[in-house]
N, C-alpha and C. Protein backbone atom coordinates (compact mmCIF):
# COMPACT_ATOMS: atom_id res chain seq x y z
N MET A 1 0.88 -1.21 -0.06
CA MET A 1 0.06 0.01 -0.06
C MET A 1 0.87 1.18 -0.05
N PHE A 2 0.36 2.16 -0.72
CA PHE A 2 1.08 3.47 -0.70
C PHE A 2 0.11 4.65 -0.16
N CYS A 3 0.81 5.62 0.28
CA CYS A 3 0.08 6.73 0.92
C CYS A 3 0.59 8.25 0.29
N TYR A 4 -0.50 8.84 -0.32
CA TYR A 4 -0.44 10.26 -0.69
C TYR A 4 -0.89 10.98 0.50
N GLU A 5 -0.12 11.76 1.02
CA GLU A 5 -0.45 12.65 2.24
C GLU A 5 -0.39 13.96 1.84
N VAL A 6 -1.58 14.70 2.16
CA VAL A 6 -1.52 16.09 1.94
C VAL A 6 -1.80 16.87 3.30
N ARG A 7 -0.95 17.78 3.71
CA ARG A 7 -0.79 18.50 4.92
C ARG A 7 -1.37 19.96 4.71
N ALA A 8 -2.11 20.56 5.76
CA ALA A 8 -2.37 21.97 5.28
C ALA A 8 -2.47 22.59 6.82
N VAL A 9 -1.93 23.63 6.86
CA VAL A 9 -1.90 24.46 7.96
C VAL A 9 -2.95 25.77 7.59
N VAL A 10 -4.06 25.69 8.43
CA VAL A 10 -5.16 26.57 7.92
C VAL A 10 -5.33 27.69 8.93
N ASP A 11 -5.54 29.02 8.35
CA ASP A 11 -5.94 30.21 9.20
C ASP A 11 -7.01 29.95 10.06
N GLU A 12 -7.11 30.40 11.41
CA GLU A 12 -8.12 30.32 12.30
C GLU A 12 -9.44 30.42 11.72
N ASP A 13 -9.44 31.66 11.09
CA ASP A 13 -10.83 32.12 10.58
C ASP A 13 -11.33 31.49 9.54
N LEU A 14 -10.62 30.41 8.94
CA LEU A 14 -11.10 29.36 7.77
C LEU A 14 -11.30 28.11 8.16
N ARG A 15 -10.98 27.57 9.31
CA ARG A 15 -11.05 26.15 9.77
C ARG A 15 -12.32 25.56 9.65
N SER A 16 -13.42 26.25 9.91
CA SER A 16 -14.48 25.50 9.83
C SER A 16 -15.21 25.30 8.32
N GLU A 17 -14.81 26.28 7.50
CA GLU A 17 -15.20 26.19 6.03
C GLU A 17 -14.23 25.18 5.39
N PHE A 18 -12.82 25.19 5.87
CA PHE A 18 -11.85 24.26 5.29
C PHE A 18 -12.43 22.66 5.61
N GLU A 19 -12.65 22.41 6.93
CA GLU A 19 -13.35 21.27 7.39
C GLU A 19 -14.46 20.73 6.53
N ALA A 20 -15.47 21.63 6.44
CA ALA A 20 -16.61 21.34 5.49
C ALA A 20 -16.52 20.99 4.21
N TYR A 21 -15.37 22.05 3.54
CA TYR A 21 -15.22 21.58 2.18
C TYR A 21 -14.53 20.26 1.96
N MET A 22 -13.44 19.85 2.82
CA MET A 22 -12.64 18.68 2.81
C MET A 22 -13.55 17.36 2.96
N LEU A 23 -14.54 17.46 4.16
CA LEU A 23 -15.36 16.41 4.54
C LEU A 23 -16.62 16.24 3.64
N GLY A 24 -17.04 17.41 2.98
CA GLY A 24 -18.30 17.41 2.25
C GLY A 24 -18.08 17.45 0.58
N LYS A 25 -16.84 17.65 0.28
CA LYS A 25 -16.64 17.64 -1.21
C LYS A 25 -15.39 17.04 -1.54
N HIS A 26 -14.02 17.54 -1.17
CA HIS A 26 -12.88 17.31 -1.75
C HIS A 26 -12.44 15.82 -1.65
N ILE A 27 -12.66 15.27 -0.34
CA ILE A 27 -12.01 13.99 -0.17
C ILE A 27 -12.97 13.00 -1.15
N ALA A 28 -14.19 13.36 -1.23
CA ALA A 28 -14.92 12.39 -1.99
C ALA A 28 -14.79 12.60 -3.35
N ASP A 29 -14.42 13.72 -3.94
CA ASP A 29 -13.86 14.02 -5.19
C ASP A 29 -12.74 13.09 -5.53
N VAL A 30 -11.61 13.06 -4.67
CA VAL A 30 -10.42 12.38 -4.81
C VAL A 30 -10.74 10.76 -4.91
N LEU A 31 -11.61 10.51 -4.02
CA LEU A 31 -11.78 8.91 -3.90
C LEU A 31 -12.53 8.56 -5.32
N GLU A 32 -13.58 9.45 -5.84
CA GLU A 32 -14.21 9.15 -7.03
C GLU A 32 -13.35 9.11 -8.20
N THR A 33 -12.14 9.18 -8.18
CA THR A 33 -11.02 8.98 -9.54
C THR A 33 -10.67 7.63 -9.59
N GLY A 34 -10.96 6.93 -8.32
CA GLY A 34 -10.68 5.44 -8.46
C GLY A 34 -9.13 5.17 -8.19
N CYS A 35 -8.52 6.19 -7.93
CA CYS A 35 -7.07 5.82 -7.68
C CYS A 35 -6.71 5.30 -6.47
N PHE A 36 -7.77 5.82 -5.47
CA PHE A 36 -7.31 5.27 -3.91
C PHE A 36 -8.44 4.58 -3.39
N VAL A 37 -8.01 3.69 -2.52
CA VAL A 37 -8.88 2.83 -1.91
C VAL A 37 -9.78 3.42 -0.51
N ARG A 38 -9.02 4.25 -0.08
CA ARG A 38 -9.61 4.93 1.28
C ARG A 38 -8.90 6.15 1.48
N ALA A 39 -9.55 6.98 2.33
CA ALA A 39 -8.80 8.24 2.98
C ALA A 39 -8.94 8.32 4.46
N ARG A 40 -8.09 9.14 4.96
CA ARG A 40 -8.22 9.34 6.50
C ARG A 40 -7.78 11.01 6.55
N PHE A 41 -8.70 11.59 7.37
CA PHE A 41 -8.68 13.02 7.51
C PHE A 41 -8.50 13.24 9.08
N GLU A 42 -7.58 13.82 9.48
CA GLU A 42 -7.28 14.44 10.75
C GLU A 42 -6.87 15.77 10.96
N GLY A 43 -7.38 16.42 12.01
CA GLY A 43 -6.74 17.73 12.25
C GLY A 43 -6.97 18.25 13.78
N GLN A 44 -5.98 19.10 14.19
CA GLN A 44 -6.02 19.73 15.50
C GLN A 44 -5.29 21.08 15.52
N GLY A 45 -5.82 21.96 15.89
CA GLY A 45 -5.29 23.15 16.10
C GLY A 45 -4.85 23.97 14.89
N GLY A 46 -5.67 23.61 13.72
CA GLY A 46 -5.36 24.27 12.33
C GLY A 46 -4.40 23.42 11.49
N ALA A 47 -3.87 22.43 12.07
CA ALA A 47 -2.96 21.69 11.32
C ALA A 47 -3.82 20.28 10.89
N TYR A 48 -3.86 20.13 9.53
CA TYR A 48 -4.59 18.92 9.16
C TYR A 48 -3.89 18.00 8.42
N SER A 49 -4.13 16.83 8.09
CA SER A 49 -3.61 15.67 7.26
C SER A 49 -4.67 14.79 6.61
N THR A 50 -4.37 14.79 5.41
CA THR A 50 -5.33 13.79 4.71
C THR A 50 -4.63 12.79 3.94
N ALA A 51 -4.71 11.65 4.34
CA ALA A 51 -3.93 10.46 3.82
C ALA A 51 -4.79 9.76 2.88
N TYR A 52 -4.42 9.56 1.75
CA TYR A 52 -5.14 8.88 0.59
C TYR A 52 -4.14 7.60 0.19
N ILE A 53 -4.88 6.50 0.45
CA ILE A 53 -4.13 5.06 0.36
C ILE A 53 -4.50 4.31 -0.90
N ALA A 54 -3.51 4.08 -1.67
CA ALA A 54 -3.67 3.50 -2.99
C ALA A 54 -2.90 1.92 -2.76
N CYS A 55 -3.18 1.14 -3.70
CA CYS A 55 -2.81 -0.25 -3.74
C CYS A 55 -1.27 -0.19 -4.28
N GLU A 56 -1.16 0.50 -5.17
CA GLU A 56 0.13 0.70 -6.20
C GLU A 56 0.48 1.90 -6.27
N MET A 57 1.79 2.15 -6.44
CA MET A 57 2.38 3.49 -6.77
C MET A 57 1.95 4.03 -8.03
N ALA A 58 1.55 2.97 -8.99
CA ALA A 58 1.28 3.43 -10.31
C ALA A 58 -0.41 4.13 -10.11
N ASP A 59 -1.14 3.69 -9.03
CA ASP A 59 -2.29 4.64 -8.87
C ASP A 59 -2.22 6.00 -8.62
N ILE A 60 -1.06 6.18 -7.62
CA ILE A 60 -0.82 7.68 -7.37
C ILE A 60 -0.20 8.14 -8.62
N ASP A 61 0.71 7.84 -9.18
CA ASP A 61 1.36 8.42 -10.61
C ASP A 61 0.00 8.68 -11.45
N ARG A 62 -0.94 7.91 -11.56
CA ARG A 62 -2.22 8.11 -12.43
C ARG A 62 -2.86 9.29 -11.82
N TYR A 63 -3.10 9.28 -10.62
CA TYR A 63 -3.67 10.45 -9.92
C TYR A 63 -2.95 11.78 -10.25
N LEU A 64 -1.78 11.70 -9.91
CA LEU A 64 -0.90 13.03 -10.22
C LEU A 64 -0.94 13.44 -11.70
N GLU A 65 -1.04 12.44 -12.57
CA GLU A 65 -0.89 12.77 -14.02
C GLU A 65 -2.14 13.30 -14.43
N ASN A 66 -3.32 12.63 -14.10
CA ASN A 66 -4.82 13.05 -14.75
C ASN A 66 -5.40 13.89 -13.88
N PHE A 67 -5.44 14.03 -12.44
CA PHE A 67 -6.36 14.59 -11.73
C PHE A 67 -5.97 15.79 -10.97
N THR A 68 -4.66 15.68 -10.55
CA THR A 68 -4.23 16.83 -9.53
C THR A 68 -4.42 18.28 -10.07
N GLU A 69 -4.25 18.49 -11.37
CA GLU A 69 -4.41 19.89 -11.80
C GLU A 69 -5.82 20.48 -11.49
N ALA A 70 -7.01 19.70 -11.76
CA ALA A 70 -8.30 20.11 -11.59
C ALA A 70 -8.72 20.05 -9.99
N MET A 71 -7.99 19.04 -9.28
CA MET A 71 -8.44 19.19 -7.89
C MET A 71 -7.69 20.42 -7.11
N ARG A 72 -6.57 20.63 -7.68
CA ARG A 72 -5.84 21.81 -6.99
C ARG A 72 -6.56 23.19 -7.15
N ASP A 73 -7.11 23.22 -8.70
CA ASP A 73 -7.72 24.32 -9.10
C ASP A 73 -8.75 24.78 -8.27
N ASP A 74 -9.60 23.54 -8.12
CA ASP A 74 -10.91 23.44 -7.35
C ASP A 74 -10.60 24.09 -6.09
N PHE A 75 -9.53 23.47 -5.25
CA PHE A 75 -9.04 24.03 -3.95
C PHE A 75 -8.84 25.39 -3.84
N THR A 76 -7.96 25.86 -4.77
CA THR A 76 -7.64 27.25 -5.03
C THR A 76 -8.80 28.34 -5.22
N VAL A 77 -9.77 27.66 -5.76
CA VAL A 77 -10.95 28.49 -5.86
C VAL A 77 -11.75 28.76 -4.48
N HIS A 78 -11.58 27.74 -3.74
CA HIS A 78 -12.38 27.92 -2.20
C HIS A 78 -11.41 28.50 -1.26
N PHE A 79 -9.98 28.29 -1.54
CA PHE A 79 -9.16 28.78 -0.54
C PHE A 79 -7.91 29.35 -1.36
N PRO A 80 -8.07 30.75 -1.85
CA PRO A 80 -6.93 31.15 -2.57
C PRO A 80 -5.79 31.61 -1.60
N THR A 81 -6.16 31.96 -0.40
CA THR A 81 -5.24 32.26 0.61
C THR A 81 -5.61 31.83 1.93
N GLY A 82 -4.78 31.64 2.93
CA GLY A 82 -5.05 30.90 4.30
C GLY A 82 -4.90 29.56 4.54
N ALA A 83 -4.30 28.87 3.63
CA ALA A 83 -4.06 27.35 3.97
C ALA A 83 -2.65 26.99 3.04
N ALA A 84 -1.70 26.84 4.02
CA ALA A 84 -0.44 26.27 3.46
C ALA A 84 -0.20 24.89 3.36
N ILE A 85 -0.11 24.30 2.06
CA ILE A 85 -0.21 22.99 1.73
C ILE A 85 1.32 22.22 1.46
N SER A 86 1.38 21.16 1.86
CA SER A 86 2.50 20.33 1.75
C SER A 86 2.14 18.83 1.33
N ARG A 87 2.87 18.35 0.40
CA ARG A 87 2.46 17.01 0.04
C ARG A 87 3.76 15.98 0.26
N SER A 88 3.34 14.57 0.34
CA SER A 88 4.45 13.46 0.45
C SER A 88 3.92 12.23 0.10
N ILE A 89 4.64 11.42 -0.34
CA ILE A 89 4.20 9.99 -0.70
C ILE A 89 5.09 9.14 -0.07
N SER A 90 4.52 7.99 0.60
CA SER A 90 5.32 6.89 1.24
C SER A 90 4.66 5.63 1.14
N GLU A 91 5.52 4.60 1.32
CA GLU A 91 4.92 3.11 1.16
C GLU A 91 4.60 2.79 2.65
N ASP A 92 3.53 2.17 2.72
CA ASP A 92 2.94 1.81 4.01
C ASP A 92 3.24 0.42 4.30
C-alpha cells in the first residue's frame, strides 16, 4: 500500500469552512477518481492531514498525471489564501 499525504496549516478564521469543504466535497472527489481505496482526515489546532491510500504506486502516478490539476484548481477557488499545503508520498 502507498500513501499520498496532503498536509494543510489553515488560518483560524477558515478552519470551519476548510473542514466542511474537505469532508463534504474534496475527499469524496479524490476518491471518485478510482486511484485510492480509502482516505483518512485528521486535524488539530489548524494543522490537518489527509492520507489517501492506494494499492500501487502506479495508482498515485495516475492520479498525479490525470487529476491533480483540476483538484488543486478547485481547492484554490475555495481557498486562494489562508491554507499552506505540503504533500508527500510514502509506502505503508
